[in-house]
Amino acid sequence: MALKITQTRSIIGVQKEHHGTLRSLGLGRIGKTTVREDSPTLRGQLHQVGYLVRVEENQE
């Protein structure tokens, strides 16, 4: 199953570790979207920056 991840909030004022997590997800600005395969590692990253992103199941 693939997940569609969209950044919904700015990274201004967030912890530096969260900046790196967003970069590793392929995000970095509001409105940018990426599609990733679901895995335990990805779930951990999303748990860390969940307040900055919106996650949906990819229908493709």
N, C-alpha and C. Protein backbone atom coordinates (compact mmCIF):
# COMPACT_ATOMS: atom_id res chain seq x y z
N MET A 1 0.84 -1.17 0.00
CA MET A 1 0.00 0.00 0.00
C MET A 1 0.89 1.23 0.00
N ALA A 2 0.54 2.21 -0.80
CA ALA A 2 1.29 3.46 -0.87
C ALA A 2 0.54 4.55 -0.12
N LEU A 3 1.31 5.49 0.43
CA LEU A 3 0.74 6.61 1.16
C LEU A 3 1.08 7.91 0.43
N LYS A 4 0.11 8.78 0.32
CA LYS A 4 0.30 10.11 -0.27
C LYS A 4 0.48 11.08 0.90
N ILE A 5 1.64 11.76 0.94
CA ILE A 5 2.00 12.63 2.05
C ILE A 5 2.10 14.05 1.52
N THR A 6 1.36 14.98 2.14
CA THR A 6 1.35 16.38 1.73
C THR A 6 1.71 17.25 2.92
N GLN A 7 2.67 18.17 2.73
CA GLN A 7 3.03 19.10 3.79
C GLN A 7 1.96 20.18 3.88
N THR A 8 1.44 20.40 5.09
CA THR A 8 0.36 21.36 5.28
C THR A 8 0.75 22.55 6.15
N ARG A 9 1.87 22.46 6.86
CA ARG A 9 2.29 23.56 7.73
C ARG A 9 3.74 23.91 7.46
N SER A 10 4.11 25.13 7.82
CA SER A 10 5.46 25.65 7.63
C SER A 10 6.44 25.01 8.61
N ILE A 11 7.71 24.96 8.21
CA ILE A 11 8.74 24.41 9.10
C ILE A 11 9.38 25.51 9.96
N ILE A 12 8.94 26.75 9.81
CA ILE A 12 9.49 27.83 10.62
C ILE A 12 9.16 27.59 12.08
N GLY A 13 10.19 27.58 12.92
CA GLY A 13 9.99 27.43 14.35
C GLY A 13 9.91 26.01 14.86
N VAL A 14 10.06 25.01 13.98
CA VAL A 14 10.01 23.62 14.46
C VAL A 14 11.42 23.13 14.76
N GLN A 15 11.53 22.01 15.44
CA GLN A 15 12.83 21.45 15.82
C GLN A 15 13.65 21.10 14.59
N LYS A 16 14.97 21.20 14.70
CA LYS A 16 15.87 20.91 13.58
C LYS A 16 15.74 19.47 13.11
N GLU A 17 15.49 18.55 14.04
CA GLU A 17 15.33 17.14 13.66
C GLU A 17 14.14 16.96 12.72
N HIS A 18 13.12 17.76 12.91
CA HIS A 18 11.93 17.65 12.08
C HIS A 18 12.18 18.21 10.68
N HIS A 19 13.07 19.20 10.56
CA HIS A 19 13.47 19.69 9.24
C HIS A 19 14.07 18.55 8.43
N GLY A 20 14.99 17.82 9.06
CA GLY A 20 15.65 16.71 8.38
C GLY A 20 14.68 15.60 8.01
N THR A 21 13.74 15.33 8.87
CA THR A 21 12.75 14.29 8.59
C THR A 21 11.91 14.67 7.38
N LEU A 22 11.49 15.92 7.30
CA LEU A 22 10.71 16.37 6.14
C LEU A 22 11.53 16.27 4.87
N ARG A 23 12.79 16.65 4.93
CA ARG A 23 13.67 16.55 3.75
C ARG A 23 13.81 15.10 3.30
N SER A 24 13.96 14.18 4.26
CA SER A 24 14.11 12.78 3.89
C SER A 24 12.83 12.22 3.28
N LEU A 25 11.69 12.83 3.61
CA LEU A 25 10.42 12.42 3.01
C LEU A 25 10.23 13.04 1.62
N GLY A 26 11.10 13.98 1.26
CA GLY A 26 10.97 14.63 -0.04
C GLY A 26 10.09 15.86 0.01
N LEU A 27 9.91 16.41 1.19
CA LEU A 27 9.08 17.60 1.36
C LEU A 27 9.97 18.78 1.74
N GLY A 28 9.39 19.96 1.84
CA GLY A 28 10.17 21.11 2.23
C GLY A 28 9.42 22.42 2.09
N ARG A 29 8.28 22.37 1.45
CA ARG A 29 7.45 23.57 1.37
C ARG A 29 5.98 23.18 1.42
N ILE A 30 5.17 24.12 1.84
CA ILE A 30 3.74 23.86 2.01
C ILE A 30 3.12 23.49 0.66
N GLY A 31 2.32 22.45 0.64
CA GLY A 31 1.62 22.02 -0.56
C GLY A 31 2.35 20.97 -1.37
N LYS A 32 3.61 20.70 -1.06
CA LYS A 32 4.35 19.69 -1.80
C LYS A 32 3.88 18.30 -1.38
N THR A 33 3.76 17.40 -2.35
CA THR A 33 3.23 16.06 -2.11
C THR A 33 4.21 15.01 -2.62
N THR A 34 4.28 13.90 -1.91
CA THR A 34 5.09 12.77 -2.32
C THR A 34 4.32 11.49 -2.04
N VAL A 35 4.65 10.44 -2.77
CA VAL A 35 4.02 9.13 -2.58
C VAL A 35 5.11 8.15 -2.17
N ARG A 36 4.89 7.45 -1.06
CA ARG A 36 5.86 6.50 -0.52
C ARG A 36 5.18 5.19 -0.19
N GLU A 37 5.94 4.10 -0.30
CA GLU A 37 5.44 2.79 0.12
C GLU A 37 5.40 2.73 1.64
N ASP A 38 4.35 2.16 2.17
CA ASP A 38 4.17 2.05 3.62
C ASP A 38 5.20 1.09 4.20
N SER A 39 5.82 1.49 5.31
CA SER A 39 6.77 0.65 6.02
C SER A 39 6.84 1.13 7.47
N PRO A 40 7.38 0.31 8.36
CA PRO A 40 7.51 0.75 9.75
C PRO A 40 8.39 1.99 9.89
N THR A 41 9.43 2.10 9.09
CA THR A 41 10.31 3.27 9.14
C THR A 41 9.55 4.52 8.74
N LEU A 42 8.78 4.43 7.68
CA LEU A 42 7.98 5.57 7.22
C LEU A 42 6.96 5.96 8.29
N ARG A 43 6.33 4.99 8.91
CA ARG A 43 5.35 5.28 9.96
C ARG A 43 6.00 6.03 11.12
N GLY A 44 7.24 5.68 11.46
CA GLY A 44 7.95 6.38 12.52
C GLY A 44 8.23 7.82 12.16
N GLN A 45 8.63 8.05 10.90
CA GLN A 45 8.88 9.41 10.44
C GLN A 45 7.59 10.22 10.47
N LEU A 46 6.50 9.62 10.03
CA LEU A 46 5.22 10.33 10.01
C LEU A 46 4.72 10.62 11.43
N HIS A 47 5.02 9.73 12.36
CA HIS A 47 4.64 9.97 13.75
C HIS A 47 5.37 11.21 14.29
N GLN A 48 6.64 11.36 13.89
CA GLN A 48 7.43 12.49 14.36
C GLN A 48 6.94 13.82 13.82
N VAL A 49 6.56 13.87 12.54
CA VAL A 49 6.17 15.15 11.92
C VAL A 49 4.69 15.17 11.54
N GLY A 50 3.90 14.38 12.23
CA GLY A 50 2.48 14.27 11.91
C GLY A 50 1.72 15.59 11.99
N TYR A 51 2.18 16.51 12.81
CA TYR A 51 1.51 17.81 12.93
C TYR A 51 1.81 18.75 11.77
N LEU A 52 2.75 18.35 10.88
CA LEU A 52 3.12 19.18 9.73
C LEU A 52 2.58 18.65 8.41
N VAL A 53 2.08 17.42 8.41
CA VAL A 53 1.70 16.77 7.15
C VAL A 53 0.29 16.19 7.22
N ARG A 54 -0.26 15.90 6.03
CA ARG A 54 -1.53 15.17 5.90
C ARG A 54 -1.21 13.89 5.15
N VAL A 55 -1.72 12.77 5.63
CA VAL A 55 -1.43 11.46 5.05
C VAL A 55 -2.73 10.84 4.54
N GLU A 56 -2.69 10.33 3.30
CA GLU A 56 -3.85 9.66 2.70
C GLU A 56 -3.36 8.38 2.03
N GLU A 57 -4.26 7.42 1.89
CA GLU A 57 -3.94 6.23 1.10
C GLU A 57 -3.97 6.62 -0.36
N ASN A 58 -2.97 6.16 -1.11
CA ASN A 58 -2.90 6.46 -2.53
C ASN A 58 -3.80 5.50 -3.29
N GLN A 59 -4.67 6.01 -4.14
CA GLN A 59 -5.64 5.18 -4.87
C GLN A 59 -5.10 4.65 -6.19
N GLU A 60 -3.90 5.03 -6.58
CA GLU A 60 -3.35 4.60 -7.87
C GLU A 60 -2.79 3.22 -7.81
